[in-house]
């Protein structure tokens, strides 16, 4: 996305699994990994004017390896730009607590970006939250509205995570997904149900030809068929015609829904639409000149 030339193992020398990561690190000397990170930083930062270092999801992440955000910021002599998701006024507590925590390590909170703000809360973010933080000597360098496309998934991302087999509609693999619907009702109810939702994936059994057709005719983003039950032969040509992927998986409906709902959307190099949206949001809502200077 950024056109970086360095090897990925230098840009990201340590990878942690999301939930269970201790097995690989339980019996090792953490100093080995501290050295690895520092050597990677020295290699990547050589001949660079500015280094932007993406932090972990929380200030405490990496503490078990002596690689917490505060430790790394101190080692790199870096300031912290905090990106805070805005949901309600409690974001102020989180930001002030982070500032005070970092101050204990003599690390400066350079500024804050208020991120993913719902449209109906933008006025409050600009007129209440931002002035309050600045009154407490915290610079607000951006107030960024939420864009549902950025937080959405694509059919391809879901397929790559859940697995299975694409039976038809491969031309639609990059469609946006914002809603998962389970098809387990009558045809009449399904039509009403499906029409209310846009950018949806319908999860149902391959033997429910009526519901699959309803999902196709209401312009779903994709249909996931559970239980390894192949659909009627008349389904696949219609799915190809509409470019709506039909994905066959071995799991039951509940398991499939659970797997799909755990996936987090990310901007990838091929996501040109989302990259352009992200660039526009930064250009319009962030004081990026102040950050770089």
C-alpha atoms as a PDB file:
ATOM      1  CA  UNK A   1       0.000   0.000   0.000  1.00  0.00           C
ATOM      2  CA  UNK A   2       2.821   2.397   0.905  1.00  0.00           C
ATOM      3  CA  UNK A   3       5.186   1.137  -1.766  1.00  0.00           C
ATOM      4  CA  UNK A   4       7.825   0.078   0.753  1.00  0.00           C
ATOM      5  CA  UNK A   5      10.805  -1.797  -0.670  1.00  0.00           C
ATOM      6  CA  UNK A   6      12.048  -3.475   2.501  1.00  0.00           C
ATOM      7  CA  UNK A   7      11.527  -7.182   3.133  1.00  0.00           C
ATOM      8  CA  UNK A   8       8.430  -8.034   5.158  1.00  0.00           C
ATOM      9  CA  UNK A   9      10.528  -9.763   7.851  1.00  0.00           C
ATOM     10  CA  UNK A  10      12.244  -6.417   8.497  1.00  0.00           C
ATOM     11  CA  UNK A  11       9.025  -4.402   8.529  1.00  0.00           C
ATOM     12  CA  UNK A  12       7.341  -6.917  10.847  1.00  0.00           C
ATOM     13  CA  UNK A  13      10.000  -9.069  12.549  1.00  0.00           C
ATOM     14  CA  UNK A  14       7.646 -10.666  15.102  1.00  0.00           C
ATOM     15  CA  UNK A  15       4.148 -12.005  14.448  1.00  0.00           C
ATOM     16  CA  UNK A  16       1.757 -12.945  17.252  1.00  0.00           C
ATOM     17  CA  UNK A  17      -1.336 -15.066  16.777  1.00  0.00           C
ATOM     18  CA  UNK A  18      -4.465 -13.202  17.798  1.00  0.00           C
ATOM     19  CA  UNK A  19      -5.531 -15.331  20.783  1.00  0.00           C
ATOM     20  CA  UNK A  20      -2.971 -18.051  21.529  1.00  0.00           C
ATOM     21  CA  UNK A  21       0.615 -16.909  21.070  1.00  0.00           C
ATOM     22  CA  UNK A  22       2.566 -18.076  24.124  1.00  0.00           C
ATOM     23  CA  UNK A  23       3.520 -21.557  22.872  1.00  0.00           C
ATOM     24  CA  UNK A  24       6.247 -20.251  20.572  1.00  0.00           C
ATOM     25  CA  UNK A  25       7.681 -17.804  23.119  1.00  0.00           C
ATOM     26  CA  UNK A  26       7.263 -19.567  26.477  1.00  0.00           C
ATOM     27  CA  UNK A  27      10.822 -20.888  26.786  1.00  0.00           C
ATOM     28  CA  UNK A  28      12.860 -18.233  25.006  1.00  0.00           C
ATOM     29  CA  UNK A  29      14.941 -15.284  26.134  1.00  0.00           C
ATOM     30  CA  UNK A  30      12.947 -12.136  25.405  1.00  0.00           C
ATOM     31  CA  UNK A  31      16.191 -10.241  24.826  1.00  0.00           C
ATOM     32  CA  UNK A  32      16.575 -12.156  21.571  1.00  0.00           C
ATOM     33  CA  UNK A  33      13.389 -10.552  20.270  1.00  0.00           C
ATOM     34  CA  UNK A  34      14.257  -7.113  21.589  1.00  0.00           C
ATOM     35  CA  UNK A  35      17.517  -7.340  19.631  1.00  0.00           C
ATOM     36  CA  UNK A  36      15.639  -8.544  16.540  1.00  0.00           C
ATOM     37  CA  UNK A  37      13.283  -5.545  16.628  1.00  0.00           C
ATOM     38  CA  UNK A  38      16.081  -3.047  17.205  1.00  0.00           C
ATOM     39  CA  UNK A  39      18.160  -4.454  14.337  1.00  0.00           C
ATOM     40  CA  UNK A  40      15.138  -4.320  12.029  1.00  0.00           C
ATOM     41  CA  UNK A  41      14.480  -0.719  13.008  1.00  0.00           C
ATOM     42  CA  UNK A  42      18.083   0.269  12.346  1.00  0.00           C
ATOM     43  CA  UNK A  43      18.006  -1.386   8.918  1.00  0.00           C
ATOM     44  CA  UNK A  44      14.679   0.116   7.830  1.00  0.00           C
ATOM     45  CA  UNK A  45      15.340   3.619   9.199  1.00  0.00           C
ATOM     46  CA  UNK A  46      18.658   3.983   7.400  1.00  0.00           C
ATOM     47  CA  UNK A  47      18.542   6.966   4.984  1.00  0.00           C
ATOM     48  CA  UNK A  48      14.943   7.798   5.960  1.00  0.00           C
ATOM     49  CA  UNK A  49      13.766  11.322   6.815  1.00  0.00           C
ATOM     50  CA  UNK A  50      10.753  10.187   8.850  1.00  0.00           C
ATOM     51  CA  UNK A  51       9.796   6.878  10.457  1.00  0.00           C
ATOM     52  CA  UNK A  52       6.127   6.080  11.068  1.00  0.00           C
ATOM     53  CA  UNK A  53       5.908   3.007  13.295  1.00  0.00           C
ATOM     54  CA  UNK A  54       2.569   1.248  13.565  1.00  0.00           C
ATOM     55  CA  UNK A  55       1.934   0.302  17.172  1.00  0.00           C
ATOM     56  CA  UNK A  56       0.088  -2.682  18.580  1.00  0.00           C
ATOM     57  CA  UNK A  57      -3.607  -2.640  19.376  1.00  0.00           C
ATOM     58  CA  UNK A  58      -3.046  -1.741  23.030  1.00  0.00           C
ATOM     59  CA  UNK A  59      -0.312  -0.080  25.072  1.00  0.00           C
ATOM     60  CA  UNK A  60       0.297  -3.355  26.924  1.00  0.00           C
ATOM     61  CA  UNK A  61       0.648  -5.664  23.908  1.00  0.00           C
ATOM     62  CA  UNK A  62       4.136  -7.201  23.788  1.00  0.00           C
ATOM     63  CA  UNK A  63       4.906  -6.631  27.464  1.00  0.00           C
ATOM     64  CA  UNK A  64       5.636 -10.340  27.963  1.00  0.00           C
ATOM     65  CA  UNK A  65       8.598  -9.938  25.576  1.00  0.00           C
ATOM     66  CA  UNK A  66       9.638  -6.570  27.016  1.00  0.00           C
ATOM     67  CA  UNK A  67       8.335  -5.022  23.791  1.00  0.00           C
ATOM     68  CA  UNK A  68       5.410  -2.927  24.978  1.00  0.00           C
ATOM     69  CA  UNK A  69       4.553   0.311  23.187  1.00  0.00           C
ATOM     70  CA  UNK A  70       6.110   2.364  25.984  1.00  0.00           C
ATOM     71  CA  UNK A  71       9.345   0.329  25.905  1.00  0.00           C
ATOM     72  CA  UNK A  72       9.671   0.579  22.130  1.00  0.00           C
ATOM     73  CA  UNK A  73       8.861   4.290  22.063  1.00  0.00           C
ATOM     74  CA  UNK A  74      11.597   4.886  24.638  1.00  0.00           C
ATOM     75  CA  UNK A  75      14.106   2.764  22.694  1.00  0.00           C
ATOM     76  CA  UNK A  76      13.275   4.537  19.419  1.00  0.00           C
ATOM     77  CA  UNK A  77      13.094   7.997  21.039  1.00  0.00           C
ATOM     78  CA  UNK A  78       9.653   8.256  19.464  1.00  0.00           C
ATOM     79  CA  UNK A  79       6.598  10.301  20.264  1.00  0.00           C
ATOM     80  CA  UNK A  80       3.163   8.691  20.338  1.00  0.00           C
ATOM     81  CA  UNK A  81       0.284   9.510  18.003  1.00  0.00           C
ATOM     82  CA  UNK A  82      -2.757   7.807  19.517  1.00  0.00           C
ATOM     83  CA  UNK A  83      -5.586   6.627  17.265  1.00  0.00           C
ATOM     84  CA  UNK A  84      -8.735   6.349  19.379  1.00  0.00           C
ATOM     85  CA  UNK A  85     -11.984   4.851  18.117  1.00  0.00           C
ATOM     86  CA  UNK A  86     -14.829   7.166  19.074  1.00  0.00           C
ATOM     87  CA  UNK A  87     -17.972   5.479  20.395  1.00  0.00           C
ATOM     88  CA  UNK A  88     -19.039   7.721  23.267  1.00  0.00           C
ATOM     89  CA  UNK A  89     -17.668  10.252  25.767  1.00  0.00           C
ATOM     90  CA  UNK A  90     -15.646   7.560  27.565  1.00  0.00           C
ATOM     91  CA  UNK A  91     -13.030   7.977  24.830  1.00  0.00           C
ATOM     92  CA  UNK A  92     -11.846  10.991  26.867  1.00  0.00           C
ATOM     93  CA  UNK A  93     -11.071   8.721  29.836  1.00  0.00           C
ATOM     94  CA  UNK A  94      -9.119   6.332  27.634  1.00  0.00           C
ATOM     95  CA  UNK A  95      -7.047   9.106  26.066  1.00  0.00           C
ATOM     96  CA  UNK A  96      -6.208  10.850  29.342  1.00  0.00           C
ATOM     97  CA  UNK A  97      -5.309   7.526  30.962  1.00  0.00           C
ATOM     98  CA  UNK A  98      -3.005   6.721  28.024  1.00  0.00           C
ATOM     99  CA  UNK A  99      -1.345  10.137  28.282  1.00  0.00           C
ATOM    100  CA  UNK A 100      -0.728   9.728  32.020  1.00  0.00           C
ATOM    101  CA  UNK A 101       0.561   6.174  31.560  1.00  0.00           C
ATOM    102  CA  UNK A 102       3.045   7.271  28.892  1.00  0.00           C
ATOM    103  CA  UNK A 103       4.162  10.228  30.995  1.00  0.00           C
ATOM    104  CA  UNK A 104       5.299   7.719  33.620  1.00  0.00           C
ATOM    105  CA  UNK A 105       7.860   6.511  31.070  1.00  0.00           C
ATOM    106  CA  UNK A 106       8.804  10.068  30.022  1.00  0.00           C
ATOM    107  CA  UNK A 107       7.139   9.517  26.653  1.00  0.00           C
ATOM    108  CA  UNK A 108       5.261  12.368  25.025  1.00  0.00           C
ATOM    109  CA  UNK A 109       1.744  11.903  23.686  1.00  0.00           C
ATOM    110  CA  UNK A 110       2.241  13.946  20.530  1.00  0.00           C
ATOM    111  CA  UNK A 111      -1.418  14.030  19.581  1.00  0.00           C
ATOM    112  CA  UNK A 112      -4.648  12.126  19.055  1.00  0.00           C
ATOM    113  CA  UNK A 113      -6.723  11.069  16.071  1.00  0.00           C
ATOM    114  CA  UNK A 114     -10.411  10.506  16.826  1.00  0.00           C
ATOM    115  CA  UNK A 115     -11.316   7.727  14.414  1.00  0.00           C
ATOM    116  CA  UNK A 116     -14.389   5.988  12.966  1.00  0.00           C
ATOM    117  CA  UNK A 117     -16.895   8.544  14.210  1.00  0.00           C
ATOM    118  CA  UNK A 118     -20.518   7.804  13.225  1.00  0.00           C
ATOM    119  CA  UNK A 119     -22.109  10.550  11.130  1.00  0.00           C
ATOM    120  CA  UNK A 120     -24.580  11.476  13.871  1.00  0.00           C
ATOM    121  CA  UNK A 121     -21.710  12.012  16.350  1.00  0.00           C
ATOM    122  CA  UNK A 122     -19.397  14.161  14.263  1.00  0.00           C
ATOM    123  CA  UNK A 123     -20.844  17.386  15.662  1.00  0.00           C
ATOM    124  CA  UNK A 124     -20.287  16.205  19.227  1.00  0.00           C
ATOM    125  CA  UNK A 125     -16.751  15.055  18.440  1.00  0.00           C
ATOM    126  CA  UNK A 126     -15.844  18.455  16.971  1.00  0.00           C
ATOM    127  CA  UNK A 127     -17.709  20.719  19.383  1.00  0.00           C
ATOM    128  CA  UNK A 128     -17.471  18.849  22.714  1.00  0.00           C
ATOM    129  CA  UNK A 129     -14.789  16.137  22.721  1.00  0.00           C
ATOM    130  CA  UNK A 130     -12.093  17.965  20.745  1.00  0.00           C
ATOM    131  CA  UNK A 131     -12.258  21.228  22.777  1.00  0.00           C
ATOM    132  CA  UNK A 132     -12.264  19.260  26.042  1.00  0.00           C
ATOM    133  CA  UNK A 133      -9.108  17.349  25.112  1.00  0.00           C
ATOM    134  CA  UNK A 134      -7.349  20.495  23.919  1.00  0.00           C
ATOM    135  CA  UNK A 135      -8.293  22.217  27.171  1.00  0.00           C
ATOM    136  CA  UNK A 136      -6.331  19.424  28.872  1.00  0.00           C
ATOM    137  CA  UNK A 137      -3.302  20.039  26.608  1.00  0.00           C
ATOM    138  CA  UNK A 138      -3.942  17.093  24.285  1.00  0.00           C
ATOM    139  CA  UNK A 139      -3.634  17.993  20.593  1.00  0.00           C
ATOM    140  CA  UNK A 140      -6.394  16.612  18.401  1.00  0.00           C
ATOM    141  CA  UNK A 141      -4.815  16.218  14.977  1.00  0.00           C
ATOM    142  CA  UNK A 142      -7.762  14.636  13.243  1.00  0.00           C
ATOM    143  CA  UNK A 143     -11.473  13.940  13.557  1.00  0.00           C
ATOM    144  CA  UNK A 144     -12.199  11.158  11.072  1.00  0.00           C
ATOM    145  CA  UNK A 145     -15.738  10.095  10.137  1.00  0.00           C
ATOM    146  CA  UNK A 146     -16.630   6.440   9.870  1.00  0.00           C
ATOM    147  CA  UNK A 147     -16.808   4.987   6.389  1.00  0.00           C
ATOM    148  CA  UNK A 148     -18.676   1.694   6.291  1.00  0.00           C
ATOM    149  CA  UNK A 149     -16.774   0.518   3.232  1.00  0.00           C
ATOM    150  CA  UNK A 150     -13.460   0.570   5.139  1.00  0.00           C
ATOM    151  CA  UNK A 151     -14.805  -1.509   8.022  1.00  0.00           C
ATOM    152  CA  UNK A 152     -16.640  -3.896   5.704  1.00  0.00           C
ATOM    153  CA  UNK A 153     -15.348  -7.209   4.426  1.00  0.00           C
ATOM    154  CA  UNK A 154     -15.143  -8.473   0.880  1.00  0.00           C
ATOM    155  CA  UNK A 155     -16.458 -11.845  -0.244  1.00  0.00           C
ATOM    156  CA  UNK A 156     -12.868 -12.836  -1.019  1.00  0.00           C
ATOM    157  CA  UNK A 157     -11.693 -12.075   2.535  1.00  0.00           C
ATOM    158  CA  UNK A 158     -14.477 -14.226   3.946  1.00  0.00           C
ATOM    159  CA  UNK A 159     -13.722 -17.061   1.542  1.00  0.00           C
ATOM    160  CA  UNK A 160      -9.982 -16.946   2.333  1.00  0.00           C
ATOM    161  CA  UNK A 161     -10.733 -17.175   6.054  1.00  0.00           C
ATOM    162  CA  UNK A 162     -13.648 -19.628   6.127  1.00  0.00           C
ATOM    163  CA  UNK A 163     -12.451 -21.791   3.246  1.00  0.00           C
ATOM    164  CA  UNK A 164     -14.647 -24.029   1.131  1.00  0.00           C
ATOM    165  CA  UNK A 165     -15.132 -24.149  -2.630  1.00  0.00           C
ATOM    166  CA  UNK A 166     -16.359 -21.452  -5.012  1.00  0.00           C
ATOM    167  CA  UNK A 167     -18.963 -23.109  -7.247  1.00  0.00           C
ATOM    168  CA  UNK A 168     -19.998 -20.086  -9.319  1.00  0.00           C
ATOM    169  CA  UNK A 169     -19.980 -16.293  -9.524  1.00  0.00           C
ATOM    170  CA  UNK A 170     -16.217 -15.828  -9.199  1.00  0.00           C
ATOM    171  CA  UNK A 171     -16.399 -12.407 -10.866  1.00  0.00           C
ATOM    172  CA  UNK A 172     -18.095 -11.080  -7.718  1.00  0.00           C
ATOM    173  CA  UNK A 173     -15.430 -12.055  -5.186  1.00  0.00           C
ATOM    174  CA  UNK A 174     -14.493  -8.434  -4.461  1.00  0.00           C
ATOM    175  CA  UNK A 175     -18.017  -7.334  -3.557  1.00  0.00           C
ATOM    176  CA  UNK A 176     -18.497  -5.607  -0.210  1.00  0.00           C
ATOM    177  CA  UNK A 177     -20.146  -7.461   2.698  1.00  0.00           C
ATOM    178  CA  UNK A 178     -21.730  -5.646   5.634  1.00  0.00           C
ATOM    179  CA  UNK A 179     -24.366  -8.107   6.868  1.00  0.00           C
ATOM    180  CA  UNK A 180     -24.732 -11.860   7.389  1.00  0.00           C
ATOM    181  CA  UNK A 181     -28.229 -13.338   7.129  1.00  0.00           C
ATOM    182  CA  UNK A 182     -29.202 -16.932   7.920  1.00  0.00           C
ATOM    183  CA  UNK A 183     -31.758 -18.446   5.553  1.00  0.00           C
ATOM    184  CA  UNK A 184     -34.004 -20.745   7.563  1.00  0.00           C
ATOM    185  CA  UNK A 185     -37.542 -19.570   6.809  1.00  0.00           C
ATOM    186  CA  UNK A 186     -40.260 -19.763   4.192  1.00  0.00           C
ATOM    187  CA  UNK A 187     -39.734 -18.340   0.717  1.00  0.00           C
ATOM    188  CA  UNK A 188     -42.230 -15.517   1.337  1.00  0.00           C
ATOM    189  CA  UNK A 189     -40.552 -14.450   4.563  1.00  0.00           C
ATOM    190  CA  UNK A 190     -37.108 -14.722   2.999  1.00  0.00           C
ATOM    191  CA  UNK A 191     -37.920 -12.326   0.160  1.00  0.00           C
ATOM    192  CA  UNK A 192     -39.049  -9.613   2.607  1.00  0.00           C
ATOM    193  CA  UNK A 193     -36.095 -10.324   4.910  1.00  0.00           C
ATOM    194  CA  UNK A 194     -33.480 -10.295   2.148  1.00  0.00           C
ATOM    195  CA  UNK A 195     -34.793  -7.152   0.443  1.00  0.00           C
ATOM    196  CA  UNK A 196     -34.255  -5.092   3.590  1.00  0.00           C
ATOM    197  CA  UNK A 197     -30.503  -5.771   3.690  1.00  0.00           C
ATOM    198  CA  UNK A 198     -27.893  -4.541   1.236  1.00  0.00           C
ATOM    199  CA  UNK A 199     -24.339  -5.878   0.836  1.00  0.00           C
ATOM    200  CA  UNK A 200     -25.365  -9.128   2.500  1.00  0.00           C
ATOM    201  CA  UNK A 201     -24.190 -12.721   2.523  1.00  0.00           C
ATOM    202  CA  UNK A 202     -26.910 -15.325   2.920  1.00  0.00           C
ATOM    203  CA  UNK A 203     -25.922 -18.520   4.751  1.00  0.00           C
ATOM    204  CA  UNK A 204     -28.196 -21.489   4.087  1.00  0.00           C
ATOM    205  CA  UNK A 205     -28.205 -25.170   3.176  1.00  0.00           C
ATOM    206  CA  UNK A 206     -27.503 -26.273  -0.378  1.00  0.00           C
ATOM    207  CA  UNK A 207     -30.830 -28.116  -0.419  1.00  0.00           C
ATOM    208  CA  UNK A 208     -32.799 -24.864   0.018  1.00  0.00           C
ATOM    209  CA  UNK A 209     -33.131 -24.017  -3.661  1.00  0.00           C
ATOM    210  CA  UNK A 210     -35.972 -21.584  -2.947  1.00  0.00           C
ATOM    211  CA  UNK A 211     -33.880 -19.536  -0.492  1.00  0.00           C
ATOM    212  CA  UNK A 212     -30.803 -19.573  -2.723  1.00  0.00           C
ATOM    213  CA  UNK A 213     -32.839 -18.194  -5.622  1.00  0.00           C
ATOM    214  CA  UNK A 214     -34.337 -15.560  -3.313  1.00  0.00           C
ATOM    215  CA  UNK A 215     -30.823 -14.551  -2.238  1.00  0.00           C
ATOM    216  CA  UNK A 216     -29.725 -14.263  -5.872  1.00  0.00           C
ATOM    217  CA  UNK A 217     -32.738 -12.248  -6.990  1.00  0.00           C
ATOM    218  CA  UNK A 218     -32.359  -9.781  -4.099  1.00  0.00           C
ATOM    219  CA  UNK A 219     -28.786  -9.054  -5.218  1.00  0.00           C
ATOM    220  CA  UNK A 220     -26.855 -10.567  -2.328  1.00  0.00           C
ATOM    221  CA  UNK A 221     -23.083 -10.139  -2.280  1.00  0.00           C
ATOM    222  CA  UNK A 222     -22.667 -13.928  -2.008  1.00  0.00           C
ATOM    223  CA  UNK A 223     -24.368 -17.106  -0.828  1.00  0.00           C
ATOM    224  CA  UNK A 224     -22.640 -19.606   1.463  1.00  0.00           C
ATOM    225  CA  UNK A 225     -24.024 -23.146   1.321  1.00  0.00           C
ATOM    226  CA  UNK A 226     -23.453 -25.214   4.462  1.00  0.00           C
ATOM    227  CA  UNK A 227     -23.102 -28.926   5.158  1.00  0.00           C
ATOM    228  CA  UNK A 228     -21.368 -29.691   1.825  1.00  0.00           C
ATOM    229  CA  UNK A 229     -24.810 -29.875   0.198  1.00  0.00           C
ATOM    230  CA  UNK A 230     -24.536 -29.065  -3.508  1.00  0.00           C
ATOM    231  CA  UNK A 231     -27.291 -26.866  -4.945  1.00  0.00           C
ATOM    232  CA  UNK A 232     -29.623 -27.565  -7.840  1.00  0.00           C
ATOM    233  CA  UNK A 233     -27.924 -27.315 -11.241  1.00  0.00           C
ATOM    234  CA  UNK A 234     -30.129 -24.361 -12.216  1.00  0.00           C
ATOM    235  CA  UNK A 235     -28.553 -22.233  -9.443  1.00  0.00           C
ATOM    236  CA  UNK A 236     -25.013 -21.988 -10.799  1.00  0.00           C
ATOM    237  CA  UNK A 237     -25.676 -20.445 -14.248  1.00  0.00           C
ATOM    238  CA  UNK A 238     -27.830 -17.744 -12.631  1.00  0.00           C
ATOM    239  CA  UNK A 239     -25.112 -17.014 -10.058  1.00  0.00           C
ATOM    240  CA  UNK A 240     -22.540 -16.678 -12.851  1.00  0.00           C
ATOM    241  CA  UNK A 241     -24.873 -14.361 -14.761  1.00  0.00           C
ATOM    242  CA  UNK A 242     -25.318 -12.091 -11.716  1.00  0.00           C
ATOM    243  CA  UNK A 243     -21.668 -12.418 -10.562  1.00  0.00           C
ATOM    244  CA  UNK A 244     -22.829 -13.562  -7.122  1.00  0.00           C
ATOM    245  CA  UNK A 245     -20.373 -16.100  -5.643  1.00  0.00           C
ATOM    246  CA  UNK A 246     -21.776 -19.416  -4.433  1.00  0.00           C
ATOM    247  CA  UNK A 247     -19.424 -20.853  -1.795  1.00  0.00           C
ATOM    248  CA  UNK A 248     -19.770 -24.411  -0.492  1.00  0.00           C
ATOM    249  CA  UNK A 249     -18.476 -25.158   3.042  1.00  0.00           C
ATOM    250  CA  UNK A 250     -18.485 -28.342   5.163  1.00  0.00           C
ATOM    251  CA  UNK A 251     -19.659 -26.680   8.375  1.00  0.00           C
ATOM    252  CA  UNK A 252     -23.145 -26.340   9.796  1.00  0.00           C
ATOM    253  CA  UNK A 253     -24.893 -22.981   9.576  1.00  0.00           C
ATOM    254  CA  UNK A 254     -24.123 -21.874  13.144  1.00  0.00           C
ATOM    255  CA  UNK A 255     -20.402 -22.697  12.879  1.00  0.00           C
ATOM    256  CA  UNK A 256     -20.161 -20.915   9.523  1.00  0.00           C
ATOM    257  CA  UNK A 257     -21.792 -17.794  10.945  1.00  0.00           C
ATOM    258  CA  UNK A 258     -19.414 -17.810  13.929  1.00  0.00           C
ATOM    259  CA  UNK A 259     -16.348 -18.134  11.686  1.00  0.00           C
ATOM    260  CA  UNK A 260     -17.512 -15.348   9.379  1.00  0.00           C
ATOM    261  CA  UNK A 261     -18.316 -12.923  12.183  1.00  0.00           C
ATOM    262  CA  UNK A 262     -14.791 -13.238  13.623  1.00  0.00           C
ATOM    263  CA  UNK A 263     -13.155 -11.880  10.481  1.00  0.00           C
ATOM    264  CA  UNK A 264     -11.844  -8.319  10.614  1.00  0.00           C
ATOM    265  CA  UNK A 265     -11.699  -6.275   7.436  1.00  0.00           C
ATOM    266  CA  UNK A 266      -8.262  -4.965   6.450  1.00  0.00           C
ATOM    267  CA  UNK A 267      -7.043  -2.771   3.618  1.00  0.00           C
ATOM    268  CA  UNK A 268      -4.883  -4.840   1.280  1.00  0.00           C
ATOM    269  CA  UNK A 269      -2.727  -3.754  -1.686  1.00  0.00           C
ATOM    270  CA  UNK A 270      -5.349  -4.895  -4.214  1.00  0.00           C
ATOM    271  CA  UNK A 271      -8.166  -2.948  -2.507  1.00  0.00           C
ATOM    272  CA  UNK A 272      -7.888   0.133  -4.723  1.00  0.00           C
ATOM    273  CA  UNK A 273     -11.325   1.437  -3.778  1.00  0.00           C
ATOM    274  CA  UNK A 274     -10.653   1.267  -0.036  1.00  0.00           C
ATOM    275  CA  UNK A 275      -7.169   2.737  -0.428  1.00  0.00           C
ATOM    276  CA  UNK A 276      -8.623   5.756  -2.244  1.00  0.00           C
ATOM    277  CA  UNK A 277     -11.273   6.202   0.457  1.00  0.00           C
ATOM    278  CA  UNK A 278      -8.652   6.036   3.223  1.00  0.00           C
ATOM    279  CA  UNK A 279      -6.442   8.585   1.434  1.00  0.00           C
ATOM    280  CA  UNK A 280      -9.381  10.945   0.978  1.00  0.00           C
ATOM    281  CA  UNK A 281     -10.384  10.678   4.643  1.00  0.00           C
ATOM    282  CA  UNK A 282      -6.832  11.508   5.738  1.00  0.00           C
ATOM    283  CA  UNK A 283      -6.489  14.418   3.318  1.00  0.00           C
ATOM    284  CA  UNK A 284      -9.821  15.939   4.358  1.00  0.00           C
ATOM    285  CA  UNK A 285      -9.810  15.308   8.114  1.00  0.00           C
ATOM    286  CA  UNK A 286      -6.237  14.972   9.422  1.00  0.00           C
ATOM    287  CA  UNK A 287      -3.575  17.643   9.978  1.00  0.00           C
ATOM    288  CA  UNK A 288      -1.019  15.395   8.373  1.00  0.00           C
ATOM    289  CA  UNK A 289       1.392  18.275   7.726  1.00  0.00           C
ATOM    290  CA  UNK A 290       1.622  18.814  11.493  1.00  0.00           C
ATOM    291  CA  UNK A 291       2.270  15.118  12.015  1.00  0.00           C
ATOM    292  CA  UNK A 292       5.076  14.899   9.454  1.00  0.00           C
ATOM    293  CA  UNK A 293       6.670  18.188  10.452  1.00  0.00           C
END
